[in-house]
């Protein structure tokens, strides 16, 4: 007497095909959208690139959110270069003063992603679509 098992390799092949399709996808667009949205929301909440509160304003009691007129945060753009590379840029002149600080203004770094942001981005842009493709 023997025991036999029928193994259907099509499910594995379908999973590999889904993975291959995902790996050849254009990641620049979702990366740019995720990163610019994360920076906007975090900054609007008054937190810097490390998710810490901004230094308070010297002349007003308001909590710093870098959103005086909205022009600076609304000037955040992402620039694609290839299928996987994106640069985030803030086209407002005042962004540089906040990002680097001045003699009269503390540094308030807001452009960039923390380790936690990158982990969330990888989940959102790569692992979630992969799980959906394999479901």
N, C-alpha and C. Protein backbone atom coordinates (compact mmCIF):
# COMPACT_ATOMS: atom_id res chain seq x y z
N UNK A 1 0.84 -1.18 0.00
CA UNK A 1 0.00 0.00 0.00
C UNK A 1 0.89 1.24 0.00
N UNK A 2 0.49 2.24 -0.76
CA UNK A 2 1.27 3.48 -0.83
C UNK A 2 0.35 4.67 -0.59
N UNK A 3 0.97 5.73 -0.19
CA UNK A 3 0.24 6.97 0.03
C UNK A 3 0.67 7.94 -1.06
N UNK A 4 -0.27 8.53 -1.72
CA UNK A 4 0.04 9.50 -2.76
C UNK A 4 -0.61 10.84 -2.45
N UNK A 5 0.07 11.87 -2.85
CA UNK A 5 -0.43 13.23 -2.67
C UNK A 5 -0.29 13.93 -4.00
N UNK A 6 -1.34 14.57 -4.40
CA UNK A 6 -1.31 15.34 -5.64
C UNK A 6 -0.97 16.78 -5.30
N UNK A 7 0.13 17.28 -5.81
CA UNK A 7 0.55 18.66 -5.54
C UNK A 7 0.30 19.48 -6.79
N UNK A 8 -0.51 20.51 -6.62
CA UNK A 8 -0.84 21.39 -7.74
C UNK A 8 0.12 22.58 -7.73
N UNK A 9 1.03 22.61 -8.67
CA UNK A 9 2.04 23.67 -8.74
C UNK A 9 1.49 24.96 -9.33
N UNK A 10 0.27 24.94 -9.85
CA UNK A 10 -0.27 26.15 -10.48
C UNK A 10 -0.45 27.28 -9.47
N UNK A 11 -0.82 26.94 -8.23
CA UNK A 11 -0.98 27.99 -7.21
C UNK A 11 0.36 28.68 -6.95
N UNK A 12 1.43 27.90 -6.85
CA UNK A 12 2.76 28.49 -6.65
C UNK A 12 3.18 29.30 -7.86
N UNK A 13 2.89 28.79 -9.05
CA UNK A 13 3.24 29.52 -10.28
C UNK A 13 2.47 30.83 -10.35
N UNK A 14 1.18 30.81 -9.97
CA UNK A 14 0.38 32.04 -9.96
C UNK A 14 0.97 33.05 -8.98
N UNK A 15 1.42 32.58 -7.81
CA UNK A 15 2.01 33.47 -6.81
C UNK A 15 3.29 34.09 -7.36
N UNK A 16 4.12 33.28 -8.02
CA UNK A 16 5.36 33.81 -8.59
C UNK A 16 5.09 34.80 -9.71
N UNK A 17 4.06 34.52 -10.50
CA UNK A 17 3.69 35.44 -11.58
C UNK A 17 3.22 36.77 -10.99
N UNK A 18 2.41 36.71 -9.92
CA UNK A 18 1.94 37.94 -9.26
C UNK A 18 3.12 38.72 -8.70
N UNK A 19 4.06 38.01 -8.08
CA UNK A 19 5.24 38.65 -7.52
C UNK A 19 6.08 39.30 -8.61
N UNK A 20 6.28 38.58 -9.71
CA UNK A 20 7.05 39.10 -10.83
C UNK A 20 6.38 40.36 -11.42
N UNK A 21 5.06 40.33 -11.53
CA UNK A 21 4.34 41.49 -12.03
C UNK A 21 4.49 42.69 -11.12
N UNK A 22 4.43 42.42 -9.81
CA UNK A 22 4.57 43.51 -8.85
C UNK A 22 5.98 44.08 -8.88
N UNK A 23 6.98 43.23 -9.02
CA UNK A 23 8.37 43.70 -9.02
C UNK A 23 8.70 44.54 -10.25
N UNK A 24 7.98 44.33 -11.33
CA UNK A 24 8.25 45.13 -12.52
C UNK A 24 7.34 46.36 -12.59
N UNK A 25 6.59 46.59 -11.52
CA UNK A 25 5.66 47.72 -11.48
C UNK A 25 6.40 49.04 -11.31
N UNK A 26 5.70 50.09 -11.61
CA UNK A 26 6.19 51.45 -11.42
C UNK A 26 5.90 51.84 -9.96
N UNK A 27 6.93 51.85 -9.13
CA UNK A 27 6.76 52.19 -7.71
C UNK A 27 6.89 53.68 -7.44
N UNK A 28 7.42 54.44 -8.39
CA UNK A 28 7.70 55.85 -8.15
C UNK A 28 6.43 56.62 -7.78
N UNK A 29 5.36 56.38 -8.50
CA UNK A 29 4.11 57.13 -8.25
C UNK A 29 3.58 56.89 -6.82
N UNK A 30 3.36 55.63 -6.41
CA UNK A 30 2.86 55.43 -5.05
C UNK A 30 3.86 55.86 -3.97
N UNK A 31 5.18 55.73 -4.24
CA UNK A 31 6.17 56.21 -3.27
C UNK A 31 6.07 57.72 -3.10
N UNK A 32 5.96 58.44 -4.20
CA UNK A 32 5.86 59.89 -4.14
C UNK A 32 4.60 60.35 -3.43
N UNK A 33 3.49 59.71 -3.73
CA UNK A 33 2.22 60.06 -3.09
C UNK A 33 2.30 59.78 -1.59
N UNK A 34 2.78 58.60 -1.23
CA UNK A 34 2.88 58.26 0.20
C UNK A 34 3.76 59.25 0.93
N UNK A 35 4.97 59.48 0.41
CA UNK A 35 5.94 60.34 1.10
C UNK A 35 5.44 61.77 1.24
N UNK A 36 4.92 62.35 0.18
CA UNK A 36 4.45 63.74 0.28
C UNK A 36 3.25 63.85 1.20
N UNK A 37 2.35 62.89 1.18
CA UNK A 37 1.21 62.91 2.11
C UNK A 37 1.65 62.76 3.55
N UNK A 38 2.61 61.86 3.81
CA UNK A 38 3.09 61.65 5.18
C UNK A 38 3.75 62.90 5.71
N UNK A 39 4.59 63.54 4.89
CA UNK A 39 5.28 64.76 5.31
C UNK A 39 4.26 65.86 5.58
N UNK A 40 3.28 66.02 4.71
CA UNK A 40 2.26 67.06 4.89
C UNK A 40 1.50 66.83 6.19
N UNK A 41 0.99 65.63 6.40
CA UNK A 41 0.17 65.35 7.60
C UNK A 41 0.97 65.48 8.89
N UNK A 42 2.20 64.96 8.88
CA UNK A 42 3.03 65.02 10.09
C UNK A 42 3.37 66.47 10.42
N UNK A 43 3.75 67.24 9.41
CA UNK A 43 4.11 68.63 9.62
C UNK A 43 2.91 69.44 10.09
N UNK A 44 1.76 69.21 9.47
CA UNK A 44 0.53 69.90 9.85
C UNK A 44 0.14 69.58 11.29
N UNK A 45 0.56 68.42 11.78
CA UNK A 45 0.28 68.04 13.17
C UNK A 45 1.31 68.63 14.13
N UNK A 46 2.29 69.40 13.59
CA UNK A 46 3.27 70.06 14.44
C UNK A 46 4.45 69.18 14.82
N UNK A 47 4.73 68.15 14.00
CA UNK A 47 5.82 67.23 14.32
C UNK A 47 6.88 67.25 13.22
N UNK A 48 8.12 67.04 13.65
CA UNK A 48 9.24 67.06 12.70
C UNK A 48 9.46 65.68 12.08
N UNK A 49 10.53 65.55 11.33
CA UNK A 49 10.82 64.32 10.61
C UNK A 49 11.01 63.14 11.57
N UNK A 50 11.37 63.40 12.81
CA UNK A 50 11.55 62.35 13.82
C UNK A 50 10.32 62.16 14.70
N UNK A 51 9.20 62.75 14.27
CA UNK A 51 7.92 62.65 14.98
C UNK A 51 7.94 63.32 16.36
N UNK A 52 8.79 64.34 16.49
CA UNK A 52 8.85 65.12 17.72
C UNK A 52 8.27 66.50 17.47
N UNK A 53 7.75 67.13 18.52
CA UNK A 53 7.15 68.46 18.40
C UNK A 53 8.18 69.48 17.93
N UNK A 54 7.75 70.41 17.07
CA UNK A 54 8.62 71.49 16.64
C UNK A 54 8.92 72.41 17.81
N UNK A 55 10.08 73.08 17.71
CA UNK A 55 10.42 74.13 18.67
C UNK A 55 9.33 75.20 18.60
N UNK A 56 8.91 75.74 19.74
CA UNK A 56 7.85 76.76 19.71
C UNK A 56 8.28 78.03 18.98
N UNK A 57 7.28 78.75 18.49
CA UNK A 57 7.53 80.06 17.88
C UNK A 57 7.97 81.02 18.97
N UNK A 58 8.84 81.94 18.63
CA UNK A 58 9.32 82.92 19.61
C UNK A 58 8.31 84.04 19.82
N UNK A 59 7.51 84.37 18.80
CA UNK A 59 6.66 85.55 18.87
C UNK A 59 5.17 85.26 19.01
N UNK A 60 4.78 84.00 19.00
CA UNK A 60 3.35 83.71 19.15
C UNK A 60 3.16 82.42 19.95
N UNK A 61 2.00 82.31 20.52
CA UNK A 61 1.71 81.19 21.40
C UNK A 61 1.24 79.95 20.64
N UNK A 62 0.95 80.10 19.37
CA UNK A 62 0.44 78.96 18.60
C UNK A 62 1.46 77.82 18.54
N UNK A 63 0.95 76.61 18.47
CA UNK A 63 1.81 75.44 18.31
C UNK A 63 2.33 75.44 16.88
N UNK A 64 3.64 75.35 16.69
CA UNK A 64 4.18 75.38 15.32
C UNK A 64 3.68 74.21 14.48
N UNK A 65 3.11 74.55 13.34
CA UNK A 65 2.69 73.52 12.39
C UNK A 65 3.17 73.88 10.98
N UNK A 66 3.93 74.95 10.89
CA UNK A 66 4.50 75.44 9.63
C UNK A 66 3.44 75.69 8.58
N UNK A 67 2.25 76.08 9.03
CA UNK A 67 1.12 76.25 8.12
C UNK A 67 0.54 77.65 8.20
N UNK A 68 1.37 78.67 8.20
CA UNK A 68 0.90 80.04 8.33
C UNK A 68 -0.14 80.39 7.26
N UNK A 69 0.24 80.29 6.00
CA UNK A 69 -0.70 80.55 4.91
C UNK A 69 -1.04 79.27 4.15
N UNK A 70 -0.29 78.22 4.40
CA UNK A 70 -0.48 76.96 3.68
C UNK A 70 0.36 76.86 2.43
N UNK A 71 0.95 77.98 2.01
CA UNK A 71 1.71 77.99 0.75
C UNK A 71 2.91 77.05 0.80
N UNK A 72 3.61 77.00 1.93
CA UNK A 72 4.81 76.18 2.00
C UNK A 72 4.47 74.69 1.88
N UNK A 73 3.55 74.22 2.71
CA UNK A 73 3.21 72.79 2.66
C UNK A 73 2.53 72.41 1.36
N UNK A 74 1.78 73.33 0.79
CA UNK A 74 1.13 73.02 -0.49
C UNK A 74 2.12 73.06 -1.66
N UNK A 75 3.34 73.49 -1.38
CA UNK A 75 4.35 73.48 -2.45
C UNK A 75 5.18 72.20 -2.44
N UNK A 76 4.83 71.24 -1.57
CA UNK A 76 5.52 69.94 -1.57
C UNK A 76 5.20 69.22 -2.88
N UNK A 77 6.22 68.75 -3.54
CA UNK A 77 6.04 67.99 -4.78
C UNK A 77 6.99 66.80 -4.75
N UNK A 78 6.65 65.80 -5.53
CA UNK A 78 7.59 64.70 -5.71
C UNK A 78 7.97 64.65 -7.18
N UNK A 79 9.23 64.32 -7.40
CA UNK A 79 9.78 64.27 -8.75
C UNK A 79 10.26 62.85 -9.00
N UNK A 80 9.67 62.23 -9.98
CA UNK A 80 10.02 60.85 -10.34
C UNK A 80 11.28 60.82 -11.17
N UNK A 81 12.10 59.80 -10.92
CA UNK A 81 13.25 59.55 -11.79
C UNK A 81 13.38 58.04 -11.90
N UNK A 82 12.77 57.51 -12.91
CA UNK A 82 12.76 56.06 -13.11
C UNK A 82 11.53 55.41 -12.50
N UNK A 83 11.57 54.09 -12.42
CA UNK A 83 10.43 53.34 -11.89
C UNK A 83 10.39 53.29 -10.37
N UNK A 84 11.53 53.53 -9.72
CA UNK A 84 11.58 53.35 -8.27
C UNK A 84 12.12 54.54 -7.50
N UNK A 85 12.59 55.58 -8.15
CA UNK A 85 13.22 56.69 -7.45
C UNK A 85 12.35 57.93 -7.47
N UNK A 86 12.30 58.57 -6.30
CA UNK A 86 11.49 59.78 -6.14
C UNK A 86 12.26 60.76 -5.26
N UNK A 87 12.19 62.03 -5.60
CA UNK A 87 12.72 63.09 -4.75
C UNK A 87 11.55 63.93 -4.28
N UNK A 88 11.57 64.28 -2.99
CA UNK A 88 10.55 65.16 -2.43
C UNK A 88 11.17 66.55 -2.34
N UNK A 89 10.45 67.52 -2.83
CA UNK A 89 10.95 68.89 -2.85
C UNK A 89 9.87 69.82 -2.34
N UNK A 90 10.30 70.83 -1.61
CA UNK A 90 9.39 71.88 -1.17
C UNK A 90 9.82 73.14 -1.92
N UNK A 91 8.96 73.62 -2.77
CA UNK A 91 9.32 74.73 -3.66
C UNK A 91 9.20 76.11 -3.01
N UNK A 92 8.82 76.16 -1.75
CA UNK A 92 8.70 77.43 -1.05
C UNK A 92 10.06 77.90 -0.56
N UNK A 93 10.33 79.19 -0.71
CA UNK A 93 11.60 79.76 -0.27
C UNK A 93 11.79 79.64 1.24
N UNK A 94 10.73 79.74 2.00
CA UNK A 94 10.85 79.73 3.46
C UNK A 94 11.15 78.33 4.00
N UNK A 95 10.91 77.29 3.21
CA UNK A 95 11.15 75.92 3.66
C UNK A 95 12.60 75.73 4.08
N UNK A 96 13.52 76.30 3.35
CA UNK A 96 14.94 76.16 3.66
C UNK A 96 15.25 76.73 5.05
N UNK A 97 14.62 77.85 5.41
CA UNK A 97 14.87 78.46 6.72
C UNK A 97 14.37 77.55 7.84
N UNK A 98 13.21 76.94 7.65
CA UNK A 98 12.72 76.00 8.66
C UNK A 98 13.59 74.75 8.72
N UNK A 99 13.92 74.22 7.56
CA UNK A 99 14.67 72.97 7.48
C UNK A 99 16.07 73.11 8.10
N UNK A 100 16.74 74.20 7.83
CA UNK A 100 18.11 74.39 8.31
C UNK A 100 18.21 75.25 9.56
N UNK A 101 17.20 76.07 9.83
CA UNK A 101 17.25 77.01 10.93
C UNK A 101 18.08 78.23 10.56
N UNK A 102 17.95 79.28 11.35
CA UNK A 102 18.74 80.50 11.16
C UNK A 102 19.23 80.93 12.53
N UNK A 103 19.94 82.04 12.57
CA UNK A 103 20.38 82.55 13.87
C UNK A 103 19.18 82.98 14.71
N UNK A 104 18.08 83.37 14.05
CA UNK A 104 16.90 83.85 14.77
C UNK A 104 15.77 82.83 14.85
N UNK A 105 15.94 81.70 14.19
CA UNK A 105 14.85 80.72 14.13
C UNK A 105 15.42 79.31 14.31
N UNK A 106 14.81 78.53 15.20
CA UNK A 106 15.32 77.17 15.40
C UNK A 106 15.07 76.28 14.18
N UNK A 107 15.89 75.27 14.07
CA UNK A 107 15.72 74.31 12.99
C UNK A 107 14.44 73.51 13.25
N UNK A 108 13.65 73.37 12.19
CA UNK A 108 12.41 72.58 12.26
C UNK A 108 12.41 71.66 11.04
N UNK A 109 13.15 70.56 11.12
CA UNK A 109 13.27 69.63 9.98
C UNK A 109 11.93 68.94 9.74
N UNK A 110 11.42 69.08 8.54
CA UNK A 110 10.14 68.45 8.23
C UNK A 110 10.17 67.65 6.94
N UNK A 111 11.16 67.88 6.08
CA UNK A 111 11.23 67.15 4.82
C UNK A 111 12.08 65.90 5.03
N UNK A 112 11.47 64.76 4.85
CA UNK A 112 12.17 63.50 5.02
C UNK A 112 11.25 62.48 5.64
N UNK A 113 11.73 61.26 5.75
CA UNK A 113 10.96 60.17 6.33
C UNK A 113 11.76 59.52 7.44
N UNK A 114 11.09 59.19 8.53
CA UNK A 114 11.73 58.47 9.63
C UNK A 114 11.77 56.98 9.29
N UNK A 115 12.43 56.20 10.13
CA UNK A 115 12.44 54.75 9.94
C UNK A 115 11.03 54.19 9.96
N UNK A 116 10.23 54.69 10.87
CA UNK A 116 8.83 54.25 10.98
C UNK A 116 8.04 54.60 9.72
N UNK A 117 8.29 55.80 9.18
CA UNK A 117 7.64 56.21 7.94
C UNK A 117 8.01 55.27 6.80
N UNK A 118 9.29 54.92 6.71
CA UNK A 118 9.76 54.03 5.64
C UNK A 118 9.12 52.65 5.79
N UNK A 119 9.03 52.15 7.03
CA UNK A 119 8.38 50.85 7.25
C UNK A 119 6.92 50.91 6.80
N UNK A 120 6.22 51.98 7.16
CA UNK A 120 4.82 52.14 6.74
C UNK A 120 4.72 52.22 5.22
N UNK A 121 5.67 52.92 4.60
CA UNK A 121 5.65 53.07 3.15
C UNK A 121 5.86 51.72 2.46
N UNK A 122 6.80 50.92 2.95
CA UNK A 122 7.05 49.60 2.37
C UNK A 122 5.81 48.72 2.51
N UNK A 123 5.17 48.77 3.67
CA UNK A 123 3.93 48.00 3.86
C UNK A 123 2.85 48.46 2.88
N UNK A 124 2.68 49.78 2.80
CA UNK A 124 1.61 50.35 1.99
C UNK A 124 1.84 50.17 0.48
N UNK A 125 3.08 50.36 0.05
CA UNK A 125 3.38 50.36 -1.38
C UNK A 125 3.76 48.98 -1.91
N UNK A 126 4.34 48.14 -1.05
CA UNK A 126 4.82 46.85 -1.55
C UNK A 126 4.06 45.67 -0.95
N UNK A 127 4.09 45.51 0.38
CA UNK A 127 3.53 44.29 0.98
C UNK A 127 2.02 44.19 0.87
N UNK A 128 1.29 45.29 1.05
CA UNK A 128 -0.17 45.22 0.92
C UNK A 128 -0.60 44.84 -0.50
N UNK A 129 -0.04 45.47 -1.56
CA UNK A 129 -0.39 45.03 -2.91
C UNK A 129 0.02 43.58 -3.18
N UNK A 130 1.15 43.14 -2.64
CA UNK A 130 1.58 41.76 -2.83
C UNK A 130 0.59 40.80 -2.18
N UNK A 131 0.17 41.13 -0.95
CA UNK A 131 -0.79 40.27 -0.26
C UNK A 131 -2.11 40.21 -1.03
N UNK A 132 -2.53 41.36 -1.57
CA UNK A 132 -3.77 41.38 -2.37
C UNK A 132 -3.62 40.54 -3.65
N UNK A 133 -2.44 40.62 -4.27
CA UNK A 133 -2.21 39.87 -5.50
C UNK A 133 -2.19 38.36 -5.24
N UNK A 134 -1.76 37.98 -4.05
CA UNK A 134 -1.68 36.56 -3.71
C UNK A 134 -2.96 36.03 -3.11
N UNK A 135 -3.87 36.90 -2.75
CA UNK A 135 -5.12 36.45 -2.10
C UNK A 135 -6.06 35.77 -3.08
